[in-house]
PDB file of N, CA and C in Angstrom:
ATOM      1  N   MET A   1      67.213 -85.391  65.005  1.00  0.00           N
ATOM      2  CA  MET A   1      68.410 -85.709  65.752  1.00  0.00           C
ATOM      3  C   MET A   1      68.619 -84.627  66.814  1.00  0.00           C
ATOM      4  N   THR A   2      68.948 -85.052  68.007  1.00  0.00           N
ATOM      5  CA  THR A   2      69.195 -84.131  69.104  1.00  0.00           C
ATOM      6  C   THR A   2      70.668 -83.731  69.101  1.00  0.00           C
ATOM      7  N   PRO A   3      70.947 -82.421  69.076  1.00  0.00           N
ATOM      8  CA  PRO A   3      72.354 -82.018  69.074  1.00  0.00           C
ATOM      9  C   PRO A   3      73.015 -82.274  70.424  1.00  0.00           C
ATOM     10  N   LEU A   4      74.316 -82.540  70.383  1.00  0.00           N
ATOM     11  CA  LEU A   4      75.076 -82.719  71.606  1.00  0.00           C
ATOM     12  C   LEU A   4      75.563 -81.368  72.106  1.00  0.00           C
ATOM     13  N   LEU A   5      75.563 -81.186  73.408  1.00  0.00           N
ATOM     14  CA  LEU A   5      76.201 -80.024  74.003  1.00  0.00           C
ATOM     15  C   LEU A   5      77.689 -80.319  74.127  1.00  0.00           C
ATOM     16  N   LEU A   6      78.507 -79.397  73.743  1.00  0.00           N
ATOM     17  CA  LEU A   6      79.934 -79.585  73.917  1.00  0.00           C
ATOM     18  C   LEU A   6      80.312 -79.151  75.320  1.00  0.00           C
ATOM     19  N   ALA A   7      80.838 -80.075  76.083  1.00  0.00           N
ATOM     20  CA  ALA A   7      81.259 -79.770  77.447  1.00  0.00           C
ATOM     21  C   ALA A   7      82.620 -79.097  77.394  1.00  0.00           C
ATOM     22  N   LEU A   8      82.727 -77.973  78.057  1.00  0.00           N
ATOM     23  CA  LEU A   8      83.995 -77.260  78.133  1.00  0.00           C
ATOM     24  C   LEU A   8      84.665 -77.543  79.471  1.00  0.00           C
ATOM     25  N   THR A   9      85.945 -77.806  79.418  1.00  0.00           N
ATOM     26  CA  THR A   9      86.711 -78.035  80.632  1.00  0.00           C
ATOM     27  C   THR A   9      86.955 -76.704  81.329  1.00  0.00           C
ATOM     28  N   ILE A  10      86.565 -76.618  82.574  1.00  0.00           N
ATOM     29  CA  ILE A  10      86.806 -75.426  83.378  1.00  0.00           C
ATOM     30  C   ILE A  10      88.154 -75.526  84.074  1.00  0.00           C
ATOM     31  N   ALA A  11      88.469 -76.696  84.602  1.00  0.00           N
ATOM     32  CA  ALA A  11      89.733 -76.889  85.313  1.00  0.00           C
ATOM     33  C   ALA A  11      90.068 -78.370  85.354  1.00  0.00           C
ATOM     34  N   THR A  12      91.349 -78.663  85.435  1.00  0.00           N
ATOM     35  CA  THR A  12      91.817 -80.031  85.648  1.00  0.00           C
ATOM     36  C   THR A  12      92.927 -79.994  86.687  1.00  0.00           C
ATOM     37  N   GLY A  13      92.993 -81.046  87.482  1.00  0.00           N
ATOM     38  CA  GLY A  13      94.060 -81.122  88.475  1.00  0.00           C
ATOM     39  C   GLY A  13      93.602 -81.796  89.746  1.00  0.00           C
ATOM     40  N   THR A  14      94.069 -81.269  90.850  1.00  0.00           N
ATOM     41  CA  THR A  14      93.866 -81.862  92.161  1.00  0.00           C
ATOM     42  C   THR A  14      92.611 -81.314  92.836  1.00  0.00           C
ATOM     43  N   ALA A  15      91.935 -82.190  93.572  1.00  0.00           N
ATOM     44  CA  ALA A  15      90.811 -81.771  94.418  1.00  0.00           C
ATOM     45  C   ALA A  15      91.295 -81.722  95.861  1.00  0.00           C
ATOM     46  N   THR A  16      90.932 -80.651  96.551  1.00  0.00           N
ATOM     47  CA  THR A  16      91.178 -80.519  97.976  1.00  0.00           C
ATOM     48  C   THR A  16      89.824 -80.346  98.647  1.00  0.00           C
ATOM     49  N   ARG A  17      89.821 -80.107  99.951  1.00  0.00           N
ATOM     50  CA  ARG A  17      88.534 -80.020 100.639  1.00  0.00           C
ATOM     51  C   ARG A  17      88.527 -78.916 101.681  1.00  0.00           C
ATOM     52  N   TYR A  18      87.330 -78.470 101.997  1.00  0.00           N
ATOM     53  CA  TYR A  18      87.089 -77.559 103.107  1.00  0.00           C
ATOM     54  C   TYR A  18      86.913 -78.393 104.373  1.00  0.00           C
ATOM     55  N   ASP A  19      87.175 -77.789 105.512  1.00  0.00           N
ATOM     56  CA  ASP A  19      86.901 -78.446 106.789  1.00  0.00           C
ATOM     57  C   ASP A  19      85.395 -78.516 107.023  1.00  0.00           C
ATOM     58  N   PRO A  20      84.946 -79.412 107.894  1.00  0.00           N
ATOM     59  CA  PRO A  20      83.512 -79.521 108.180  1.00  0.00           C
ATOM     60  C   PRO A  20      82.930 -78.176 108.618  1.00  0.00           C
ATOM     61  N   GLY A  21      81.774 -77.837 108.067  1.00  0.00           N
ATOM     62  CA  GLY A  21      81.045 -76.639 108.457  1.00  0.00           C
ATOM     63  C   GLY A  21      81.449 -75.356 107.753  1.00  0.00           C
ATOM     64  N   VAL A  22      82.622 -75.315 107.133  1.00  0.00           N
ATOM     65  CA  VAL A  22      83.097 -74.076 106.510  1.00  0.00           C
ATOM     66  C   VAL A  22      82.257 -73.715 105.286  1.00  0.00           C
ATOM     67  N   MET A  23      82.000 -74.670 104.422  1.00  0.00           N
ATOM     68  CA  MET A  23      81.241 -74.366 103.210  1.00  0.00           C
ATOM     69  C   MET A  23      79.814 -73.955 103.541  1.00  0.00           C
ATOM     70  N   GLN A  24      79.221 -74.522 104.596  1.00  0.00           N
ATOM     71  CA  GLN A  24      77.863 -74.121 104.972  1.00  0.00           C
ATOM     72  C   GLN A  24      77.813 -72.633 105.306  1.00  0.00           C
ATOM     73  N   ALA A  25      78.828 -72.129 105.991  1.00  0.00           N
ATOM     74  CA  ALA A  25      78.877 -70.700 106.313  1.00  0.00           C
ATOM     75  C   ALA A  25      79.031 -69.871 105.045  1.00  0.00           C
ATOM     76  N   VAL A  26      79.857 -70.333 104.126  1.00  0.00           N
ATOM     77  CA  VAL A  26      80.039 -69.634 102.848  1.00  0.00           C
ATOM     78  C   VAL A  26      78.723 -69.603 102.076  1.00  0.00           C
ATOM     79  N   VAL A  27      78.054 -70.751 101.994  1.00  0.00           N
ATOM     80  CA  VAL A  27      76.782 -70.832 101.265  1.00  0.00           C
ATOM     81  C   VAL A  27      75.743 -69.910 101.899  1.00  0.00           C
ATOM     82  N   ALA A  28      75.678 -69.883 103.230  1.00  0.00           N
ATOM     83  CA  ALA A  28      74.719 -69.002 103.901  1.00  0.00           C
ATOM     84  C   ALA A  28      74.993 -67.540 103.549  1.00  0.00           C
ATOM     85  N   ASN A  29      76.251 -67.143 103.543  1.00  0.00           N
ATOM     86  CA  ASN A  29      76.600 -65.762 103.177  1.00  0.00           C
ATOM     87  C   ASN A  29      76.303 -65.468 101.713  1.00  0.00           C
ATOM     88  N   ARG A  30      76.651 -66.376 100.840  1.00  0.00           N
ATOM     89  CA  ARG A  30      76.414 -66.161  99.409  1.00  0.00           C
ATOM     90  C   ARG A  30      74.916 -66.105  99.111  1.00  0.00           C
ATOM     91  N   THR A  31      74.152 -66.932  99.784  1.00  0.00           N
ATOM     92  CA  THR A  31      72.710 -66.936  99.566  1.00  0.00           C
ATOM     93  C   THR A  31      72.094 -65.623 100.039  1.00  0.00           C
ATOM     94  N   ALA A  32      72.564 -65.122 101.162  1.00  0.00           N
ATOM     95  CA  ALA A  32      72.012 -63.887 101.722  1.00  0.00           C
ATOM     96  C   ALA A  32      72.485 -62.640 100.984  1.00  0.00           C
ATOM     97  N   PHE A  33      73.741 -62.629 100.560  1.00  0.00           N
ATOM     98  CA  PHE A  33      74.338 -61.396 100.046  1.00  0.00           C
ATOM     99  C   PHE A  33      74.911 -61.489  98.640  1.00  0.00           C
ATOM    100  N   GLY A  34      74.908 -62.664  98.040  1.00  0.00           N
ATOM    101  CA  GLY A  34      75.632 -62.792  96.784  1.00  0.00           C
ATOM    102  C   GLY A  34      74.908 -63.553  95.711  1.00  0.00           C
ATOM    103  N   PRO A  35      75.681 -64.061  94.783  1.00  0.00           N
ATOM    104  CA  PRO A  35      75.125 -64.663  93.568  1.00  0.00           C
ATOM    105  C   PRO A  35      74.814 -66.147  93.671  1.00  0.00           C
ATOM    106  N   LEU A  36      74.103 -66.568  94.701  1.00  0.00           N
ATOM    107  CA  LEU A  36      73.858 -68.000  94.854  1.00  0.00           C
ATOM    108  C   LEU A  36      72.368 -68.288  94.969  1.00  0.00           C
ATOM    109  N   ASP A  37      71.624 -67.898  93.944  1.00  0.00           N
ATOM    110  CA  ASP A  37      70.207 -68.200  93.858  1.00  0.00           C
ATOM    111  C   ASP A  37      70.041 -69.081  92.626  1.00  0.00           C
ATOM    112  N   LEU A  38      70.228 -70.381  92.809  1.00  0.00           N
ATOM    113  CA  LEU A  38      70.369 -71.299  91.680  1.00  0.00           C
ATOM    114  C   LEU A  38      69.063 -71.739  91.047  1.00  0.00           C
ATOM    115  N   GLY A  39      68.008 -71.805  91.808  1.00  0.00           N
ATOM    116  CA  GLY A  39      66.752 -72.294  91.277  1.00  0.00           C
ATOM    117  C   GLY A  39      66.688 -73.799  91.147  1.00  0.00           C
ATOM    118  N   VAL A  40      67.777 -74.494  91.424  1.00  0.00           N
ATOM    119  CA  VAL A  40      67.809 -75.964  91.434  1.00  0.00           C
ATOM    120  C   VAL A  40      68.584 -76.401  92.674  1.00  0.00           C
ATOM    121  N   GLU A  41      68.353 -77.616  93.085  1.00  0.00           N
ATOM    122  CA  GLU A  41      69.062 -78.168  94.240  1.00  0.00           C
ATOM    123  C   GLU A  41      70.325 -78.876  93.738  1.00  0.00           C
ATOM    124  N   PRO A  42      71.514 -78.331  94.042  1.00  0.00           N
ATOM    125  CA  PRO A  42      72.744 -78.982  93.580  1.00  0.00           C
ATOM    126  C   PRO A  42      73.057 -80.228  94.402  1.00  0.00           C
ATOM    127  N   GLU A  43      73.951 -81.049  93.873  1.00  0.00           N
ATOM    128  CA  GLU A  43      74.426 -82.232  94.594  1.00  0.00           C
ATOM    129  C   GLU A  43      75.303 -81.836  95.775  1.00  0.00           C
ATOM    130  N   GLY A  44      75.829 -80.627  95.744  1.00  0.00           N
ATOM    131  CA  GLY A  44      76.710 -80.130  96.794  1.00  0.00           C
ATOM    132  C   GLY A  44      77.370 -78.851  96.320  1.00  0.00           C
ATOM    133  N   TYR A  45      78.408 -78.436  97.058  1.00  0.00           N
ATOM    134  CA  TYR A  45      79.045 -77.149  96.790  1.00  0.00           C
ATOM    135  C   TYR A  45      80.550 -77.304  96.635  1.00  0.00           C
ATOM    136  N   VAL A  46      81.111 -76.472  95.759  1.00  0.00           N
ATOM    137  CA  VAL A  46      82.540 -76.478  95.497  1.00  0.00           C
ATOM    138  C   VAL A  46      83.042 -75.048  95.421  1.00  0.00           C
ATOM    139  N   ALA A  47      84.364 -74.920  95.460  1.00  0.00           N
ATOM    140  CA  ALA A  47      85.029 -73.642  95.232  1.00  0.00           C
ATOM    141  C   ALA A  47      86.011 -73.832  94.086  1.00  0.00           C
ATOM    142  N   LEU A  48      86.088 -72.826  93.227  1.00  0.00           N
ATOM    143  CA  LEU A  48      87.025 -72.839  92.102  1.00  0.00           C
ATOM    144  C   LEU A  48      87.969 -71.650  92.211  1.00  0.00           C
ATOM    145  N   LEU A  49      88.995 -71.626  91.405  1.00  0.00           N
ATOM    146  CA  LEU A  49      89.929 -70.506  91.421  1.00  0.00           C
ATOM    147  C   LEU A  49      89.299 -69.248  90.843  1.00  0.00           C
ATOM    148  N   ASP A  50      88.475 -69.382  89.831  1.00  0.00           N
ATOM    149  CA  ASP A  50      87.920 -68.263  89.079  1.00  0.00           C
ATOM    150  C   ASP A  50      86.647 -67.720  89.731  1.00  0.00           C
ATOM    151  N   CYS A  51      86.709 -66.494  90.228  1.00  0.00           N
ATOM    152  CA  CYS A  51      85.548 -65.890  90.895  1.00  0.00           C
ATOM    153  C   CYS A  51      84.424 -65.543  89.920  1.00  0.00           C
ATOM    154  N   ASP A  52      84.711 -65.484  88.626  1.00  0.00           N
ATOM    155  CA  ASP A  52      83.663 -65.230  87.638  1.00  0.00           C
ATOM    156  C   ASP A  52      82.667 -66.385  87.554  1.00  0.00           C
ATOM    157  N   LEU A  53      83.013 -67.523  88.124  1.00  0.00           N
ATOM    158  CA  LEU A  53      82.149 -68.702  88.058  1.00  0.00           C
ATOM    159  C   LEU A  53      81.240 -68.861  89.278  1.00  0.00           C
ATOM    160  N   LEU A  54      81.295 -67.924  90.215  1.00  0.00           N
ATOM    161  CA  LEU A  54      80.419 -67.997  91.390  1.00  0.00           C
ATOM    162  C   LEU A  54      78.959 -68.092  90.960  1.00  0.00           C
ATOM    163  N   GLY A  55      78.241 -69.004  91.588  1.00  0.00           N
ATOM    164  CA  GLY A  55      76.829 -69.177  91.292  1.00  0.00           C
ATOM    165  C   GLY A  55      76.541 -70.106  90.133  1.00  0.00           C
ATOM    166  N   ARG A  56      77.557 -70.541  89.411  1.00  0.00           N
ATOM    167  CA  ARG A  56      77.364 -71.458  88.288  1.00  0.00           C
ATOM    168  C   ARG A  56      77.234 -72.896  88.771  1.00  0.00           C
ATOM    169  N   LEU A  57      76.688 -73.725  87.931  1.00  0.00           N
ATOM    170  CA  LEU A  57      76.646 -75.159  88.183  1.00  0.00           C
ATOM    171  C   LEU A  57      77.746 -75.821  87.365  1.00  0.00           C
ATOM    172  N   VAL A  58      78.419 -76.805  87.971  1.00  0.00           N
ATOM    173  CA  VAL A  58      79.492 -77.532  87.304  1.00  0.00           C
ATOM    174  C   VAL A  58      79.338 -79.019  87.585  1.00  0.00           C
ATOM    175  N   TRP A  59      80.043 -79.825  86.804  1.00  0.00           N
ATOM    176  CA  TRP A  59      80.068 -81.274  86.978  1.00  0.00           C
ATOM    177  C   TRP A  59      81.503 -81.687  87.225  1.00  0.00           C
ATOM    178  N   LEU A  60      81.687 -82.701  88.074  1.00  0.00           N
ATOM    179  CA  LEU A  60      83.009 -83.215  88.403  1.00  0.00           C
ATOM    180  C   LEU A  60      83.218 -84.574  87.771  1.00  0.00           C
ATOM    181  N   GLN A  61      84.467 -84.811  87.376  1.00  0.00           N
ATOM    182  CA  GLN A  61      84.840 -86.128  86.865  1.00  0.00           C
ATOM    183  C   GLN A  61      86.168 -86.524  87.481  1.00  0.00           C
ATOM    184  N   ALA A  62      86.240 -87.774  87.920  1.00  0.00           N
ATOM    185  CA  ALA A  62      87.483 -88.408  88.346  1.00  0.00           C
ATOM    186  C   ALA A  62      87.408 -89.836  87.838  1.00  0.00           C
ATOM    187  N   GLY A  63      88.327 -90.206  86.975  1.00  0.00           N
ATOM    188  CA  GLY A  63      88.248 -91.512  86.335  1.00  0.00           C
ATOM    189  C   GLY A  63      86.996 -91.584  85.482  1.00  0.00           C
ATOM    190  N   GLN A  64      86.227 -92.643  85.626  1.00  0.00           N
ATOM    191  CA  GLN A  64      84.989 -92.807  84.868  1.00  0.00           C
ATOM    192  C   GLN A  64      83.782 -92.171  85.551  1.00  0.00           C
ATOM    193  N   ARG A  65      83.940 -91.768  86.794  1.00  0.00           N
ATOM    194  CA  ARG A  65      82.820 -91.189  87.540  1.00  0.00           C
ATOM    195  C   ARG A  65      82.618 -89.726  87.139  1.00  0.00           C
ATOM    196  N   ILE A  66      81.373 -89.392  86.813  1.00  0.00           N
ATOM    197  CA  ILE A  66      80.960 -88.019  86.522  1.00  0.00           C
ATOM    198  C   ILE A  66      79.712 -87.764  87.348  1.00  0.00           C
ATOM    199  N   ASP A  67      79.693 -86.638  88.058  1.00  0.00           N
ATOM    200  CA  ASP A  67      78.548 -86.348  88.905  1.00  0.00           C
ATOM    201  C   ASP A  67      78.328 -84.837  88.954  1.00  0.00           C
ATOM    202  N   GLY A  68      77.093 -84.458  89.227  1.00  0.00           N
ATOM    203  CA  GLY A  68      76.749 -83.059  89.350  1.00  0.00           C
ATOM    204  C   GLY A  68      75.250 -82.909  89.226  1.00  0.00           C
ATOM    205  N   PRO A  69      74.762 -81.726  89.249  1.00  0.00           N
ATOM    206  CA  PRO A  69      75.520 -80.487  89.279  1.00  0.00           C
ATOM    207  C   PRO A  69      75.930 -80.102  90.694  1.00  0.00           C
ATOM    208  N   TYR A  70      77.087 -79.442  90.773  1.00  0.00           N
ATOM    209  CA  TYR A  70      77.579 -78.857  92.006  1.00  0.00           C
ATOM    210  C   TYR A  70      77.569 -77.348  91.818  1.00  0.00           C
ATOM    211  N   ALA A  71      77.196 -76.629  92.857  1.00  0.00           N
ATOM    212  CA  ALA A  71      77.160 -75.170  92.784  1.00  0.00           C
ATOM    213  C   ALA A  71      78.507 -74.600  93.204  1.00  0.00           C
ATOM    214  N   VAL A  72      78.994 -73.649  92.423  1.00  0.00           N
ATOM    215  CA  VAL A  72      80.231 -72.952  92.764  1.00  0.00           C
ATOM    216  C   VAL A  72      79.866 -71.877  93.788  1.00  0.00           C
ATOM    217  N   ALA A  73      80.242 -72.131  95.047  1.00  0.00           N
ATOM    218  CA  ALA A  73      79.842 -71.257  96.144  1.00  0.00           C
ATOM    219  C   ALA A  73      80.977 -70.365  96.638  1.00  0.00           C
ATOM    220  N   ASP A  74      82.204 -70.650  96.207  1.00  0.00           N
ATOM    221  CA  ASP A  74      83.332 -69.858  96.684  1.00  0.00           C
ATOM    222  C   ASP A  74      84.426 -69.875  95.630  1.00  0.00           C
ATOM    223  N   CYS A  75      85.387 -68.966  95.816  1.00  0.00           N
ATOM    224  CA  CYS A  75      86.504 -68.877  94.873  1.00  0.00           C
ATOM    225  C   CYS A  75      87.753 -68.443  95.618  1.00  0.00           C
ATOM    226  N   ALA A  76      88.872 -68.599  94.971  1.00  0.00           N
ATOM    227  CA  ALA A  76      90.154 -68.251  95.580  1.00  0.00           C
ATOM    228  C   ALA A  76      90.368 -66.741  95.565  1.00  0.00           C
ATOM    229  N   ALA A  77      90.923 -66.236  96.643  1.00  0.00           N
ATOM    230  CA  ALA A  77      91.320 -64.829  96.677  1.00  0.00           C
ATOM    231  C   ALA A  77      92.439 -64.623  95.662  1.00  0.00           C
ATOM    232  N   ALA A  78      92.463 -63.474  95.040  1.00  0.00           N
ATOM    233  CA  ALA A  78      93.455 -63.181  94.002  1.00  0.00           C
ATOM    234  C   ALA A  78      94.881 -63.434  94.494  1.00  0.00           C
ATOM    235  N   ALA A  79      95.161 -63.099  95.734  1.00  0.00           N
ATOM    236  CA  ALA A  79      96.506 -63.272  96.276  1.00  0.00           C
ATOM    237  C   ALA A  79      96.891 -64.743  96.425  1.00  0.00           C
ATOM    238  N   HIS A  80      95.900 -65.628  96.527  1.00  0.00           N
ATOM    239  CA  HIS A  80      96.167 -67.057  96.722  1.00  0.00           C
ATOM    240  C   HIS A  80      96.199 -67.844  95.418  1.00  0.00           C
ATOM    241  N   ARG A  81      95.660 -67.291  94.334  1.00  0.00           N
ATOM    242  CA  ARG A  81      95.547 -68.048  93.076  1.00  0.00           C
ATOM    243  C   ARG A  81      96.876 -68.563  92.540  1.00  0.00           C
ATOM    244  N   PRO A  82      97.940 -67.752  92.477  1.00  0.00           N
ATOM    245  CA  PRO A  82      99.190 -68.283  91.918  1.00  0.00           C
ATOM    246  C   PRO A  82      99.707 -69.524  92.653  1.00  0.00           C
ATOM    247  N   ALA A  83      99.661 -69.520  93.977  1.00  0.00           N
ATOM    248  CA  ALA A  83     100.138 -70.680  94.739  1.00  0.00           C
ATOM    249  C   ALA A  83      99.254 -71.900  94.492  1.00  0.00           C
ATOM    250  N   LEU A  84      97.944 -71.684  94.418  1.00  0.00           N
ATOM    251  CA  LEU A  84      97.034 -72.796  94.143  1.00  0.00           C
ATOM    252  C   LEU A  84      97.258 -73.353  92.745  1.00  0.00           C
ATOM    253  N   GLU A  85      97.469 -72.475  91.777  1.00  0.00           N
ATOM    254  CA  GLU A  85      97.764 -72.921  90.410  1.00  0.00           C
ATOM    255  C   GLU A  85      99.071 -73.699  90.365  1.00  0.00           C
ATOM    256  N   ASP A  86     100.099 -73.225  91.084  1.00  0.00           N
ATOM    257  CA  ASP A  86     101.385 -73.922  91.123  1.00  0.00           C
ATOM    258  C   ASP A  86     101.258 -75.317  91.713  1.00  0.00           C
ATOM    259  N   ARG A  87     100.331 -75.477  92.662  1.00  0.00           N
ATOM    260  CA  ARG A  87     100.097 -76.793  93.276  1.00  0.00           C
ATOM    261  C   ARG A  87      99.156 -77.655  92.451  1.00  0.00           C
ATOM    262  N   GLY A  88      98.602 -77.113  91.372  1.00  0.00           N
ATOM    263  CA  GLY A  88      97.716 -77.889  90.509  1.00  0.00           C
ATOM    264  C   GLY A  88      96.312 -78.077  91.040  1.00  0.00           C
ATOM    265  N   VAL A  89      95.866 -77.192  91.937  1.00  0.00           N
ATOM    266  CA  VAL A  89      94.516 -77.322  92.507  1.00  0.00           C
ATOM    267  C   VAL A  89      93.475 -76.926  91.464  1.00  0.00           C
ATOM    268  N   ALA A  90      92.517 -77.809  91.237  1.00  0.00           N
ATOM    269  CA  ALA A  90      91.426 -77.550  90.295  1.00  0.00           C
ATOM    270  C   ALA A  90      90.144 -77.164  91.024  1.00  0.00           C
ATOM    271  N   VAL A  91      89.897 -77.789  92.173  1.00  0.00           N
ATOM    272  CA  VAL A  91      88.617 -77.610  92.858  1.00  0.00           C
ATOM    273  C   VAL A  91      88.783 -77.900  94.343  1.00  0.00           C
ATOM    274  N   ASP A  92      88.096 -77.095  95.165  1.00  0.00           N
ATOM    275  CA  ASP A  92      87.957 -77.365  96.593  1.00  0.00           C
ATOM    276  C   ASP A  92      86.539 -77.875  96.818  1.00  0.00           C
ATOM    277  N   LEU A  93      86.419 -78.979  97.518  1.00  0.00           N
ATOM    278  CA  LEU A  93      85.121 -79.598  97.760  1.00  0.00           C
ATOM    279  C   LEU A  93      84.632 -79.284  99.168  1.00  0.00           C
ATOM    280  N   SER A  94      83.320 -79.130  99.311  1.00  0.00           N
ATOM    281  CA  SER A  94      82.770 -79.054 100.666  1.00  0.00           C
ATOM    282  C   SER A  94      83.083 -80.377 101.360  1.00  0.00           C
ATOM    283  N   TRP A  95      83.022 -80.370 102.679  1.00  0.00           N
ATOM    284  CA  TRP A  95      83.306 -81.597 103.442  1.00  0.00           C
ATOM    285  C   TRP A  95      82.415 -82.749 102.985  1.00  0.00           C
ATOM    286  N   GLU A  96      81.137 -82.453 102.783  1.00  0.00           N
ATOM    287  CA  GLU A  96      80.188 -83.505 102.391  1.00  0.00           C
ATOM    288  C   GLU A  96      80.527 -84.085 101.023  1.00  0.00           C
ATOM    289  N   VAL A  97      80.860 -83.232 100.080  1.00  0.00           N
ATOM    290  CA  VAL A  97      81.238 -83.698  98.741  1.00  0.00           C
ATOM    291  C   VAL A  97      82.562 -84.454  98.806  1.00  0.00           C
ATOM    292  N   ALA A  98      83.498 -83.970  99.622  1.00  0.00           N
ATOM    293  CA  ALA A  98      84.781 -84.653  99.792  1.00  0.00           C
ATOM    294  C   ALA A  98      84.588 -86.070 100.322  1.00  0.00           C
ATOM    295  N   LEU A  99      83.641 -86.242 101.252  1.00  0.00           N
ATOM    296  CA  LEU A  99      83.346 -87.589 101.752  1.00  0.00           C
ATOM    297  C   LEU A  99      82.867 -88.495 100.626  1.00  0.00           C
ATOM    298  N   GLU A 100      81.984 -87.983  99.770  1.00  0.00           N
ATOM    299  CA  GLU A 100      81.444 -88.776  98.663  1.00  0.00           C
ATOM    300  C   GLU A 100      82.526 -89.180  97.668  1.00  0.00           C
ATOM    301  N   TRP A 101      83.513 -88.302  97.454  1.00  0.00           N
ATOM    302  CA  TRP A 101      84.559 -88.539  96.453  1.00  0.00           C
ATOM    303  C   TRP A 101      85.834 -89.119  97.056  1.00  0.00           C
ATOM    304  N   GLY A 102      85.889 -89.280  98.368  1.00  0.00           N
ATOM    305  CA  GLY A 102      87.071 -89.851  99.009  1.00  0.00           C
ATOM    306  C   GLY A 102      88.255 -88.914  99.088  1.00  0.00           C
ATOM    307  N   VAL A 103      87.998 -87.621  99.208  1.00  0.00           N
ATOM    308  CA  VAL A 103      89.068 -86.622  99.293  1.00  0.00           C
ATOM    309  C   VAL A 103      89.096 -86.103 100.732  1.00  0.00           C
ATOM    310  N   ILE A 104      89.560 -86.934 101.654  1.00  0.00           N
ATOM    311  CA  ILE A 104      89.541 -86.549 103.062  1.00  0.00           C
ATOM    312  C   ILE A 104      90.963 -86.402 103.616  1.00  0.00           C
ATOM    313  N   ASP A 105      91.781 -87.407 103.500  1.00  0.00           N
ATOM    314  CA  ASP A 105      93.100 -87.378 104.138  1.00  0.00           C
ATOM    315  C   ASP A 105      94.165 -86.609 103.359  1.00  0.00           C
ATOM    316  N   ALA A 106      93.984 -86.455 102.064  1.00  0.00           N
ATOM    317  CA  ALA A 106      95.002 -85.772 101.269  1.00  0.00           C
ATOM    318  C   ALA A 106      94.363 -85.255  99.988  1.00  0.00           C
ATOM    319  N   PRO A 107      94.983 -84.270  99.361  1.00  0.00           N
ATOM    320  CA  PRO A 107      94.489 -83.869  98.038  1.00  0.00           C
ATOM    321  C   PRO A 107      94.499 -85.077  97.099  1.00  0.00           C
ATOM    322  N   LEU A 108      93.557 -85.090  96.173  1.00  0.00           N
ATOM    323  CA  LEU A 108      93.434 -86.206  95.242  1.00  0.00           C
ATOM    324  C   LEU A 108      93.561 -85.697  93.810  1.00  0.00           C
ATOM    325  N   PRO A 109      94.573 -86.147  93.072  1.00  0.00           N
ATOM    326  CA  PRO A 109      94.741 -85.693  91.686  1.00  0.00           C
ATOM    327  C   PRO A 109      93.746 -86.369  90.756  1.00  0.00           C
ATOM    328  N   GLY A 110      93.674 -85.866  89.521  1.00  0.00           N
ATOM    329  CA  GLY A 110      92.885 -86.517  88.491  1.00  0.00           C
ATOM    330  C   GLY A 110      91.467 -86.019  88.335  1.00  0.00           C
ATOM    331  N   PHE A 111      91.171 -84.814  88.778  1.00  0.00           N
ATOM    332  CA  PHE A 111      89.823 -84.261  88.668  1.00  0.00           C
ATOM    333  C   PHE A 111      89.708 -83.339  87.461  1.00  0.00           C
ATOM    334  N   THR A 112      88.533 -83.382  86.844  1.00  0.00           N
ATOM    335  CA  THR A 112      88.170 -82.432  85.794  1.00  0.00           C
ATOM    336  C   THR A 112      86.863 -81.785  86.205  1.00  0.00           C
ATOM    337  N   VAL A 113      86.781 -80.475  86.012  1.00  0.00           N
ATOM    338  CA  VAL A 113      85.563 -79.716  86.277  1.00  0.00           C
ATOM    339  C   VAL A 113      85.000 -79.304  84.927  1.00  0.00           C
ATOM    340  N   TRP A 114      83.739 -79.656  84.675  1.00  0.00           N
ATOM    341  CA  TRP A 114      83.069 -79.388  83.402  1.00  0.00           C
ATOM    342  C   TRP A 114      81.969 -78.356  83.582  1.00  0.00           C
ATOM    343  N   ASP A 115      81.657 -77.626  82.518  1.00  0.00           N
ATOM    344  CA  ASP A 115      80.552 -76.664  82.570  1.00  0.00           C
ATOM    345  C   ASP A 115      79.201 -77.320  82.330  1.00  0.00           C
ATOM    346  N   VAL A 116      79.166 -78.432  81.656  1.00  0.00           N
ATOM    347  CA  VAL A 116      77.977 -79.266  81.465  1.00  0.00           C
ATOM    348  C   VAL A 116      78.451 -80.710  81.543  1.00  0.00           C
ATOM    349  N   PRO A 117      77.568 -81.647  81.758  1.00  0.00           N
ATOM    350  CA  PRO A 117      78.018 -83.046  81.784  1.00  0.00           C
ATOM    351  C   PRO A 117      78.603 -83.438  80.426  1.00  0.00           C
ATOM    352  N   PRO A 118      79.759 -84.056  80.376  1.00  0.00           N
ATOM    353  CA  PRO A 118      80.321 -84.477  79.089  1.00  0.00           C
ATOM    354  C   PRO A 118      79.334 -85.377  78.345  1.00  0.00           C
ATOM    355  N   ALA A 119      79.173 -85.142  77.068  1.00  0.00           N
ATOM    356  CA  ALA A 119      78.297 -85.903  76.168  1.00  0.00           C
ATOM    357  C   ALA A 119      76.830 -85.777  76.531  1.00  0.00           C
ATOM    358  N   ALA A 120      76.467 -84.706  77.255  1.00  0.00           N
ATOM    359  CA  ALA A 120      75.051 -84.508  77.586  1.00  0.00           C
ATOM    360  C   ALA A 120      74.292 -84.110  76.331  1.00  0.00           C
ATOM    361  N   LYS A 121      73.075 -84.577  76.215  1.00  0.00           N
ATOM    362  CA  LYS A 121      72.240 -84.214  75.072  1.00  0.00           C
ATOM    363  C   LYS A 121      71.252 -83.147  75.480  1.00  0.00           C
ATOM    364  N   THR A 122      70.944 -82.259  74.559  1.00  0.00           N
ATOM    365  CA  THR A 122      69.932 -81.257  74.830  1.00  0.00           C
ATOM    366  C   THR A 122      68.564 -81.920  74.806  1.00  0.00           C
ATOM    367  N   PRO A 123      67.594 -81.410  75.574  1.00  0.00           N
ATOM    368  CA  PRO A 123      66.268 -82.031  75.580  1.00  0.00           C
ATOM    369  C   PRO A 123      65.571 -81.890  74.219  1.00  0.00           C
ATOM    370  N   ASN A 124      64.728 -82.856  73.903  1.00  0.00           N
ATOM    371  CA  ASN A 124      63.974 -82.795  72.631  1.00  0.00           C
ATOM    372  C   ASN A 124      62.917 -81.738  72.695  1.00  0.00           C
TER     373      ASN A 124
END
């Protein structure tokens, strides 16, 4: 029997988005100077509140849709975290990811960020 991985919730709440081109600049800087050497090609890039998660892969869920992995390429500045938490922000999406998820004109509630895909099985 293959054991199940328990998916841990990293964040729940609203998804917002970066403007076009902003995340690409962040990714270029992180790749050159920071912790963004993933070894896999992610589906796209996101930012989370917690800077300890930079360089990690995460999965997104909204409703029944689950997709990933997405690379955590940016995080909230400490001074901005309380306001973002008060607004219920769970994740900022790159422009490209926002297009795929329909988060363009306004923040979209109902997102969960997972550390592994929910109900994922470990390989045999």
